[in-house]
Structures are given as C-alpha cells and as structure tokens.
Amino acid sequence: MSTWKELKKDLVLTQEDLNAIELEKELIRTMIHIREEKGLTQSQLAEMCNVKQPVIARMESSVHSPQIDSLLKILTPLGYTLQIVPMKKR
C-alpha cells in the first residue's frame, strides 16, 4: 500500500489542487479535535447525528470528500457551523 507522499509524487496536481486538499485535511482535523475535546467516541457522535458510526470513521480517515450536507449534519449537533472567511495570505 502506498502512502499519500508516494502517491502525490506521481500525480499532476496544481497549486489550487494542493490548496483544496490542505483545506479539506484541516477541516477534518478540526472536526476530530472537536469530537475528542467533547469526549465523544465516533459511535456517540454518530448517534447524536443520526448516522452510522462508519460514516464518521470514513469522514475522519478521509476515505472520501465529505459533502456539505454531511458536514452540517455532524457539525450542528456539536454546536458548530461552516463559515466562509478570507484566507490568510501565505
């Protein structure tokens, strides 16, 4: 099995692609941090959100890109929402 770093070398990704990937990774890391900060297991969060635990696991392991409605379904019971804000210049 290849690692992301190995796969990334073979892909032709633009800077925009890489930025989108980083934003998604940061979003997922933040969601995991919120869940853990609240002391919830994936199963407990799934029950709160009325989804099955594997949905949470797939999202947290970045198996697929989460849909906005799925993000909101998970963030809302945690007391969070999505917001569009300007990016910091790098």
PDB file of N, CA and C in Angstrom:
ATOM      1  N   MET A   1       0.853  -1.181   0.000  1.00  0.00           N
ATOM      2  CA  MET A   1       0.000   0.000   0.000  1.00  0.00           C
ATOM      3  C   MET A   1       0.891   1.234   0.000  1.00  0.00           C
ATOM      4  N   SER A   2       0.558   2.195  -0.839  1.00  0.00           N
ATOM      5  CA  SER A   2       1.335   3.425  -0.958  1.00  0.00           C
ATOM      6  C   SER A   2       0.893   4.455   0.066  1.00  0.00           C
ATOM      7  N   THR A   3       1.810   5.313   0.435  1.00  0.00           N
ATOM      8  CA  THR A   3       1.471   6.428   1.311  1.00  0.00           C
ATOM      9  C   THR A   3       1.033   7.603   0.453  1.00  0.00           C
ATOM     10  N   TRP A   4       0.419   8.605   1.087  1.00  0.00           N
ATOM     11  CA  TRP A   4      -0.007   9.794   0.360  1.00  0.00           C
ATOM     12  C   TRP A   4       1.197  10.479  -0.291  1.00  0.00           C
ATOM     13  N   LYS A   5       2.317  10.555   0.426  1.00  0.00           N
ATOM     14  CA  LYS A   5       3.506  11.218  -0.123  1.00  0.00           C
ATOM     15  C   LYS A   5       3.987  10.510  -1.386  1.00  0.00           C
ATOM     16  N   GLU A   6       3.929   9.183  -1.383  1.00  0.00           N
ATOM     17  CA  GLU A   6       4.348   8.422  -2.564  1.00  0.00           C
ATOM     18  C   GLU A   6       3.383   8.648  -3.726  1.00  0.00           C
ATOM     19  N   LEU A   7       2.101   8.607  -3.446  1.00  0.00           N
ATOM     20  CA  LEU A   7       1.098   8.815  -4.488  1.00  0.00           C
ATOM     21  C   LEU A   7       1.167  10.234  -5.050  1.00  0.00           C
ATOM     22  N   LYS A   8       1.361  11.201  -4.163  1.00  0.00           N
ATOM     23  CA  LYS A   8       1.373  12.607  -4.570  1.00  0.00           C
ATOM     24  C   LYS A   8       2.479  12.880  -5.592  1.00  0.00           C
ATOM     25  N   LYS A   9       3.609  12.179  -5.473  1.00  0.00           N
ATOM     26  CA  LYS A   9       4.715  12.361  -6.407  1.00  0.00           C
ATOM     27  C   LYS A   9       4.307  12.019  -7.839  1.00  0.00           C
ATOM     28  N   ASP A  10       3.432  11.027  -7.997  1.00  0.00           N
ATOM     29  CA  ASP A  10       3.018  10.564  -9.324  1.00  0.00           C
ATOM     30  C   ASP A  10       1.849  11.350  -9.902  1.00  0.00           C
ATOM     31  N   LEU A  11       1.203  12.160  -9.095  1.00  0.00           N
ATOM     32  CA  LEU A  11       0.055  12.926  -9.563  1.00  0.00           C
ATOM     33  C   LEU A  11       0.500  14.271 -10.124  1.00  0.00           C
ATOM     34  N   VAL A  12      -0.271  14.752 -11.054  1.00  0.00           N
ATOM     35  CA  VAL A  12      -0.024  16.094 -11.574  1.00  0.00           C
ATOM     36  C   VAL A  12      -1.057  16.999 -10.923  1.00  0.00           C
ATOM     37  N   LEU A  13      -0.663  17.644  -9.842  1.00  0.00           N
ATOM     38  CA  LEU A  13      -1.567  18.490  -9.076  1.00  0.00           C
ATOM     39  C   LEU A  13      -1.142  19.942  -9.196  1.00  0.00           C
ATOM     40  N   THR A  14      -2.123  20.785  -9.414  1.00  0.00           N
ATOM     41  CA  THR A  14      -1.847  22.218  -9.443  1.00  0.00           C
ATOM     42  C   THR A  14      -1.766  22.729  -8.015  1.00  0.00           C
ATOM     43  N   GLN A  15      -1.305  23.952  -7.866  1.00  0.00           N
ATOM     44  CA  GLN A  15      -1.273  24.562  -6.546  1.00  0.00           C
ATOM     45  C   GLN A  15      -2.685  24.685  -5.990  1.00  0.00           C
ATOM     46  N   GLU A  16      -3.650  24.953  -6.860  1.00  0.00           N
ATOM     47  CA  GLU A  16      -5.053  25.028  -6.424  1.00  0.00           C
ATOM     48  C   GLU A  16      -5.519  23.689  -5.880  1.00  0.00           C
ATOM     49  N   ASP A  17      -5.142  22.591  -6.549  1.00  0.00           N
ATOM     50  CA  ASP A  17      -5.490  21.250  -6.068  1.00  0.00           C
ATOM     51  C   ASP A  17      -4.893  21.013  -4.685  1.00  0.00           C
ATOM     52  N   LEU A  18      -3.623  21.361  -4.536  1.00  0.00           N
ATOM     53  CA  LEU A  18      -2.946  21.159  -3.255  1.00  0.00           C
ATOM     54  C   LEU A  18      -3.579  22.004  -2.156  1.00  0.00           C
ATOM     55  N   ASN A  19      -3.973  23.230  -2.487  1.00  0.00           N
ATOM     56  CA  ASN A  19      -4.641  24.094  -1.502  1.00  0.00           C
ATOM     57  C   ASN A  19      -5.966  23.491  -1.069  1.00  0.00           C
ATOM     58  N   ALA A  20      -6.740  22.957  -2.009  1.00  0.00           N
ATOM     59  CA  ALA A  20      -8.029  22.346  -1.684  1.00  0.00           C
ATOM     60  C   ALA A  20      -7.833  21.131  -0.794  1.00  0.00           C
ATOM     61  N   ILE A  21      -6.823  20.333  -1.082  1.00  0.00           N
ATOM     62  CA  ILE A  21      -6.528  19.154  -0.265  1.00  0.00           C
ATOM     63  C   ILE A  21      -6.169  19.581   1.158  1.00  0.00           C
ATOM     64  N   GLU A  22      -5.348  20.607   1.281  1.00  0.00           N
ATOM     65  CA  GLU A  22      -4.954  21.083   2.610  1.00  0.00           C
ATOM     66  C   GLU A  22      -6.147  21.623   3.389  1.00  0.00           C
ATOM     67  N   LEU A  23      -7.029  22.352   2.711  1.00  0.00           N
ATOM     68  CA  LEU A  23      -8.223  22.864   3.388  1.00  0.00           C
ATOM     69  C   LEU A  23      -9.094  21.718   3.908  1.00  0.00           C
ATOM     70  N   GLU A  24      -9.266  20.690   3.079  1.00  0.00           N
ATOM     71  CA  GLU A  24     -10.076  19.550   3.499  1.00  0.00           C
ATOM     72  C   GLU A  24      -9.428  18.827   4.677  1.00  0.00           C
ATOM     73  N   LYS A  25      -8.112  18.639   4.616  1.00  0.00           N
ATOM     74  CA  LYS A  25      -7.417  17.979   5.722  1.00  0.00           C
ATOM     75  C   LYS A  25      -7.570  18.772   7.014  1.00  0.00           C
ATOM     76  N   GLU A  26      -7.466  20.091   6.929  1.00  0.00           N
ATOM     77  CA  GLU A  26      -7.602  20.941   8.113  1.00  0.00           C
ATOM     78  C   GLU A  26      -9.016  20.858   8.677  1.00  0.00           C
ATOM     79  N   LEU A  27     -10.003  20.846   7.809  1.00  0.00           N
ATOM     80  CA  LEU A  27     -11.393  20.721   8.242  1.00  0.00           C
ATOM     81  C   LEU A  27     -11.603  19.412   8.996  1.00  0.00           C
ATOM     82  N   ILE A  28     -11.093  18.329   8.452  1.00  0.00           N
ATOM     83  CA  ILE A  28     -11.263  17.022   9.087  1.00  0.00           C
ATOM     84  C   ILE A  28     -10.506  16.972  10.423  1.00  0.00           C
ATOM     85  N   ARG A  29      -9.279  17.522  10.449  1.00  0.00           N
ATOM     86  CA  ARG A  29      -8.529  17.556  11.725  1.00  0.00           C
ATOM     87  C   ARG A  29      -9.298  18.344  12.779  1.00  0.00           C
ATOM     88  N   THR A  30      -9.912  19.444  12.364  1.00  0.00           N
ATOM     89  CA  THR A  30     -10.685  20.265  13.295  1.00  0.00           C
ATOM     90  C   THR A  30     -11.895  19.497  13.812  1.00  0.00           C
ATOM     91  N   MET A  31     -12.588  18.796  12.932  1.00  0.00           N
ATOM     92  CA  MET A  31     -13.755  18.011  13.367  1.00  0.00           C
ATOM     93  C   MET A  31     -13.355  16.936  14.369  1.00  0.00           C
ATOM     94  N   ILE A  32     -12.244  16.271  14.107  1.00  0.00           N
ATOM     95  CA  ILE A  32     -11.770  15.237  15.036  1.00  0.00           C
ATOM     96  C   ILE A  32     -11.429  15.881  16.379  1.00  0.00           C
ATOM     97  N   HIS A  33     -10.751  17.019  16.343  1.00  0.00           N
ATOM     98  CA  HIS A  33     -10.385  17.727  17.572  1.00  0.00           C
ATOM     99  C   HIS A  33     -11.638  18.098  18.380  1.00  0.00           C
ATOM    100  N   ILE A  34     -12.661  18.603  17.709  1.00  0.00           N
ATOM    101  CA  ILE A  34     -13.906  18.980  18.397  1.00  0.00           C
ATOM    102  C   ILE A  34     -14.540  17.752  19.047  1.00  0.00           C
ATOM    103  N   ARG A  35     -14.616  16.658  18.285  1.00  0.00           N
ATOM    104  CA  ARG A  35     -15.220  15.430  18.832  1.00  0.00           C
ATOM    105  C   ARG A  35     -14.451  14.969  20.064  1.00  0.00           C
ATOM    106  N   GLU A  36     -13.128  14.934  19.955  1.00  0.00           N
ATOM    107  CA  GLU A  36     -12.309  14.467  21.072  1.00  0.00           C
ATOM    108  C   GLU A  36     -12.375  15.436  22.260  1.00  0.00           C
ATOM    109  N   GLU A  37     -12.394  16.727  21.972  1.00  0.00           N
ATOM    110  CA  GLU A  37     -12.485  17.726  23.030  1.00  0.00           C
ATOM    111  C   GLU A  37     -13.776  17.567  23.831  1.00  0.00           C
ATOM    112  N   LYS A  38     -14.837  17.156  23.154  1.00  0.00           N
ATOM    113  CA  LYS A  38     -16.117  16.942  23.813  1.00  0.00           C
ATOM    114  C   LYS A  38     -16.197  15.555  24.460  1.00  0.00           C
ATOM    115  N   GLY A  39     -15.137  14.769  24.316  1.00  0.00           N
ATOM    116  CA  GLY A  39     -15.078  13.451  24.937  1.00  0.00           C
ATOM    117  C   GLY A  39     -15.997  12.425  24.289  1.00  0.00           C
ATOM    118  N   LEU A  40     -16.265  12.589  23.010  1.00  0.00           N
ATOM    119  CA  LEU A  40     -17.175  11.686  22.313  1.00  0.00           C
ATOM    120  C   LEU A  40     -16.416  10.648  21.496  1.00  0.00           C
ATOM    121  N   THR A  41     -16.940   9.441  21.487  1.00  0.00           N
ATOM    122  CA  THR A  41     -16.432   8.423  20.574  1.00  0.00           C
ATOM    123  C   THR A  41     -17.093   8.640  19.219  1.00  0.00           C
ATOM    124  N   GLN A  42     -16.581   7.976  18.209  1.00  0.00           N
ATOM    125  CA  GLN A  42     -17.227   8.042  16.899  1.00  0.00           C
ATOM    126  C   GLN A  42     -18.661   7.525  16.988  1.00  0.00           C
ATOM    127  N   SER A  43     -18.868   6.481  17.751  1.00  0.00           N
ATOM    128  CA  SER A  43     -20.219   5.905  17.904  1.00  0.00           C
ATOM    129  C   SER A  43     -21.176   6.886  18.573  1.00  0.00           C
ATOM    130  N   GLN A  44     -20.704   7.556  19.602  1.00  0.00           N
ATOM    131  CA  GLN A  44     -21.555   8.537  20.292  1.00  0.00           C
ATOM    132  C   GLN A  44     -21.908   9.699  19.365  1.00  0.00           C
ATOM    133  N   LEU A  45     -20.925  10.180  18.610  1.00  0.00           N
ATOM    134  CA  LEU A  45     -21.188  11.262  17.672  1.00  0.00           C
ATOM    135  C   LEU A  45     -22.168  10.808  16.597  1.00  0.00           C
ATOM    136  N   ALA A  46     -21.976   9.608  16.097  1.00  0.00           N
ATOM    137  CA  ALA A  46     -22.875   9.071  15.074  1.00  0.00           C
ATOM    138  C   ALA A  46     -24.313   9.033  15.588  1.00  0.00           C
ATOM    139  N   GLU A  47     -24.492   8.607  16.822  1.00  0.00           N
ATOM    140  CA  GLU A  47     -25.837   8.551  17.405  1.00  0.00           C
ATOM    141  C   GLU A  47     -26.438   9.952  17.512  1.00  0.00           C
ATOM    142  N   MET A  48     -25.635  10.927  17.930  1.00  0.00           N
ATOM    143  CA  MET A  48     -26.114  12.312  18.035  1.00  0.00           C
ATOM    144  C   MET A  48     -26.557  12.858  16.680  1.00  0.00           C
ATOM    145  N   CYS A  49     -25.859  12.426  15.625  1.00  0.00           N
ATOM    146  CA  CYS A  49     -26.083  12.968  14.282  1.00  0.00           C
ATOM    147  C   CYS A  49     -27.054  12.120  13.457  1.00  0.00           C
ATOM    148  N   ASN A  50     -27.502  11.017  14.040  1.00  0.00           N
ATOM    149  CA  ASN A  50     -28.415  10.103  13.354  1.00  0.00           C
ATOM    150  C   ASN A  50     -27.786   9.520  12.082  1.00  0.00           C
ATOM    151  N   VAL A  51     -26.514   9.134  12.202  1.00  0.00           N
ATOM    152  CA  VAL A  51     -25.820   8.422  11.132  1.00  0.00           C
ATOM    153  C   VAL A  51     -25.168   7.193  11.745  1.00  0.00           C
ATOM    154  N   LYS A  52     -24.669   6.321  10.905  1.00  0.00           N
ATOM    155  CA  LYS A  52     -23.981   5.128  11.402  1.00  0.00           C
ATOM    156  C   LYS A  52     -22.509   5.467  11.664  1.00  0.00           C
ATOM    157  N   GLN A  53     -21.897   4.779  12.618  1.00  0.00           N
ATOM    158  CA  GLN A  53     -20.511   5.044  13.004  1.00  0.00           C
ATOM    159  C   GLN A  53     -19.539   4.971  11.829  1.00  0.00           C
ATOM    160  N   PRO A  54     -19.710   4.036  10.882  1.00  0.00           N
ATOM    161  CA  PRO A  54     -18.770   4.009   9.754  1.00  0.00           C
ATOM    162  C   PRO A  54     -18.762   5.292   8.918  1.00  0.00           C
ATOM    163  N   VAL A  55     -19.865   6.031   8.933  1.00  0.00           N
ATOM    164  CA  VAL A  55     -19.898   7.314   8.221  1.00  0.00           C
ATOM    165  C   VAL A  55     -18.885   8.269   8.846  1.00  0.00           C
ATOM    166  N   ILE A  56     -18.872   8.311  10.168  1.00  0.00           N
ATOM    167  CA  ILE A  56     -17.926   9.165  10.887  1.00  0.00           C
ATOM    168  C   ILE A  56     -16.499   8.677  10.629  1.00  0.00           C
ATOM    169  N   ALA A  57     -16.287   7.373  10.707  1.00  0.00           N
ATOM    170  CA  ALA A  57     -14.948   6.813  10.506  1.00  0.00           C
ATOM    171  C   ALA A  57     -14.424   7.116   9.107  1.00  0.00           C
ATOM    172  N   ARG A  58     -15.271   6.959   8.093  1.00  0.00           N
ATOM    173  CA  ARG A  58     -14.833   7.234   6.717  1.00  0.00           C
ATOM    174  C   ARG A  58     -14.485   8.711   6.547  1.00  0.00           C
ATOM    175  N   MET A  59     -15.291   9.573   7.153  1.00  0.00           N
ATOM    176  CA  MET A  59     -15.025  11.002   7.049  1.00  0.00           C
ATOM    177  C   MET A  59     -13.711  11.347   7.746  1.00  0.00           C
ATOM    178  N   GLU A  60     -13.511  10.819   8.941  1.00  0.00           N
ATOM    179  CA  GLU A  60     -12.308  11.133   9.713  1.00  0.00           C
ATOM    180  C   GLU A  60     -11.044  10.548   9.095  1.00  0.00           C
ATOM    181  N   SER A  61     -11.174   9.458   8.362  1.00  0.00           N
ATOM    182  CA  SER A  61      -9.988   8.853   7.742  1.00  0.00           C
ATOM    183  C   SER A  61      -9.792   9.336   6.308  1.00  0.00           C
ATOM    184  N   SER A  62     -10.609  10.306   5.896  1.00  0.00           N
ATOM    185  CA  SER A  62     -10.500  10.903   4.565  1.00  0.00           C
ATOM    186  C   SER A  62     -10.658   9.890   3.440  1.00  0.00           C
ATOM    187  N   VAL A  63     -11.517   8.888   3.658  1.00  0.00           N
ATOM    188  CA  VAL A  63     -11.780   7.905   2.612  1.00  0.00           C
ATOM    189  C   VAL A  63     -12.453   8.579   1.421  1.00  0.00           C
ATOM    190  N   HIS A  64     -13.281   9.563   1.704  1.00  0.00           N
ATOM    191  CA  HIS A  64     -13.925  10.327   0.641  1.00  0.00           C
ATOM    192  C   HIS A  64     -14.095  11.767   1.100  1.00  0.00           C
ATOM    193  N   SER A  65     -14.286  12.644   0.157  1.00  0.00           N
ATOM    194  CA  SER A  65     -14.518  14.053   0.495  1.00  0.00           C
ATOM    195  C   SER A  65     -15.930  14.208   1.030  1.00  0.00           C
ATOM    196  N   PRO A  66     -16.070  14.819   2.193  1.00  0.00           N
ATOM    197  CA  PRO A  66     -17.408  14.965   2.762  1.00  0.00           C
ATOM    198  C   PRO A  66     -18.247  15.983   1.993  1.00  0.00           C
ATOM    199  N   GLN A  67     -19.524  15.677   1.834  1.00  0.00           N
ATOM    200  CA  GLN A  67     -20.479  16.597   1.232  1.00  0.00           C
ATOM    201  C   GLN A  67     -20.834  17.664   2.260  1.00  0.00           C
ATOM    202  N   ILE A  68     -21.216  18.850   1.794  1.00  0.00           N
ATOM    203  CA  ILE A  68     -21.561  19.932   2.717  1.00  0.00           C
ATOM    204  C   ILE A  68     -22.707  19.532   3.631  1.00  0.00           C
ATOM    205  N   ASP A  69     -23.727  18.853   3.084  1.00  0.00           N
ATOM    206  CA  ASP A  69     -24.855  18.465   3.937  1.00  0.00           C
ATOM    207  C   ASP A  69     -24.420  17.474   5.016  1.00  0.00           C
ATOM    208  N   SER A  70     -23.464  16.608   4.688  1.00  0.00           N
ATOM    209  CA  SER A  70     -22.944  15.670   5.686  1.00  0.00           C
ATOM    210  C   SER A  70     -22.169  16.407   6.777  1.00  0.00           C
ATOM    211  N   LEU A  71     -21.369  17.377   6.373  1.00  0.00           N
ATOM    212  CA  LEU A  71     -20.623  18.176   7.350  1.00  0.00           C
ATOM    213  C   LEU A  71     -21.576  18.876   8.308  1.00  0.00           C
ATOM    214  N   LEU A  72     -22.609  19.498   7.748  1.00  0.00           N
ATOM    215  CA  LEU A  72     -23.570  20.212   8.592  1.00  0.00           C
ATOM    216  C   LEU A  72     -24.327  19.264   9.513  1.00  0.00           C
ATOM    217  N   LYS A  73     -24.628  18.077   9.016  1.00  0.00           N
ATOM    218  CA  LYS A  73     -25.341  17.082   9.827  1.00  0.00           C
ATOM    219  C   LYS A  73     -24.513  16.674  11.045  1.00  0.00           C
ATOM    220  N   ILE A  74     -23.194  16.734  10.905  1.00  0.00           N
ATOM    221  CA  ILE A  74     -22.303  16.361  12.003  1.00  0.00           C
ATOM    222  C   ILE A  74     -21.942  17.577  12.866  1.00  0.00           C
ATOM    223  N   LEU A  75     -21.686  18.695  12.229  1.00  0.00           N
ATOM    224  CA  LEU A  75     -21.265  19.878  12.985  1.00  0.00           C
ATOM    225  C   LEU A  75     -22.388  20.478  13.826  1.00  0.00           C
ATOM    226  N   THR A  76     -23.603  20.480  13.318  1.00  0.00           N
ATOM    227  CA  THR A  76     -24.716  21.124  14.020  1.00  0.00           C
ATOM    228  C   THR A  76     -24.938  20.547  15.420  1.00  0.00           C
ATOM    229  N   PRO A  77     -25.026  19.224  15.602  1.00  0.00           N
ATOM    230  CA  PRO A  77     -25.198  18.703  16.964  1.00  0.00           C
ATOM    231  C   PRO A  77     -24.017  19.001  17.885  1.00  0.00           C
ATOM    232  N   LEU A  78     -22.858  19.257  17.288  1.00  0.00           N
ATOM    233  CA  LEU A  78     -21.680  19.615  18.086  1.00  0.00           C
ATOM    234  C   LEU A  78     -21.674  21.091  18.465  1.00  0.00           C
ATOM    235  N   GLY A  79     -22.614  21.852  17.876  1.00  0.00           N
ATOM    236  CA  GLY A  79     -22.695  23.275  18.175  1.00  0.00           C
ATOM    237  C   GLY A  79     -21.836  24.129  17.261  1.00  0.00           C
ATOM    238  N   TYR A  80     -21.523  23.631  16.069  1.00  0.00           N
ATOM    239  CA  TYR A  80     -20.681  24.349  15.122  1.00  0.00           C
ATOM    240  C   TYR A  80     -21.397  24.478  13.781  1.00  0.00           C
ATOM    241  N   THR A  81     -20.868  25.366  12.948  1.00  0.00           N
ATOM    242  CA  THR A  81     -21.370  25.542  11.597  1.00  0.00           C
ATOM    243  C   THR A  81     -20.186  25.839  10.684  1.00  0.00           C
ATOM    244  N   LEU A  82     -20.441  25.886   9.402  1.00  0.00           N
ATOM    245  CA  LEU A  82     -19.411  26.287   8.448  1.00  0.00           C
ATOM    246  C   LEU A  82     -19.545  27.780   8.206  1.00  0.00           C
ATOM    247  N   GLN A  83     -18.430  28.421   7.952  1.00  0.00           N
ATOM    248  CA  GLN A  83     -18.442  29.846   7.684  1.00  0.00           C
ATOM    249  C   GLN A  83     -17.392  30.138   6.624  1.00  0.00           C
ATOM    250  N   ILE A  84     -17.709  31.033   5.712  1.00  0.00           N
ATOM    251  CA  ILE A  84     -16.757  31.424   4.685  1.00  0.00           C
ATOM    252  C   ILE A  84     -16.021  32.668   5.176  1.00  0.00           C
ATOM    253  N   VAL A  85     -14.697  32.537   5.264  1.00  0.00           N
ATOM    254  CA  VAL A  85     -13.880  33.657   5.739  1.00  0.00           C
ATOM    255  C   VAL A  85     -12.688  33.813   4.798  1.00  0.00           C
ATOM    256  N   PRO A  86     -12.137  35.023   4.723  1.00  0.00           N
ATOM    257  CA  PRO A  86     -10.965  35.213   3.869  1.00  0.00           C
ATOM    258  C   PRO A  86      -9.792  34.369   4.342  1.00  0.00           C
ATOM    259  N   MET A  87      -9.037  33.881   3.382  1.00  0.00           N
ATOM    260  CA  MET A  87      -7.845  33.095   3.718  1.00  0.00           C
ATOM    261  C   MET A  87      -6.710  34.042   4.085  1.00  0.00           C
ATOM    262  N   LYS A  88      -5.870  33.594   4.990  1.00  0.00           N
ATOM    263  CA  LYS A  88      -4.682  34.372   5.354  1.00  0.00           C
ATOM    264  C   LYS A  88      -3.692  34.264   4.203  1.00  0.00           C
ATOM    265  N   LYS A  89      -3.044  35.353   3.895  1.00  0.00           N
ATOM    266  CA  LYS A  89      -2.020  35.306   2.843  1.00  0.00           C
ATOM    267  C   LYS A  89      -0.835  34.532   3.362  1.00  0.00           C
ATOM    268  N   ARG A  90      -0.294  33.703   2.492  1.00  0.00           N
ATOM    269  CA  ARG A  90       0.825  32.847   2.898  1.00  0.00           C
ATOM    270  C   ARG A  90       2.134  33.433   2.490  1.00  0.00           C
TER     271      ARG A  90
END
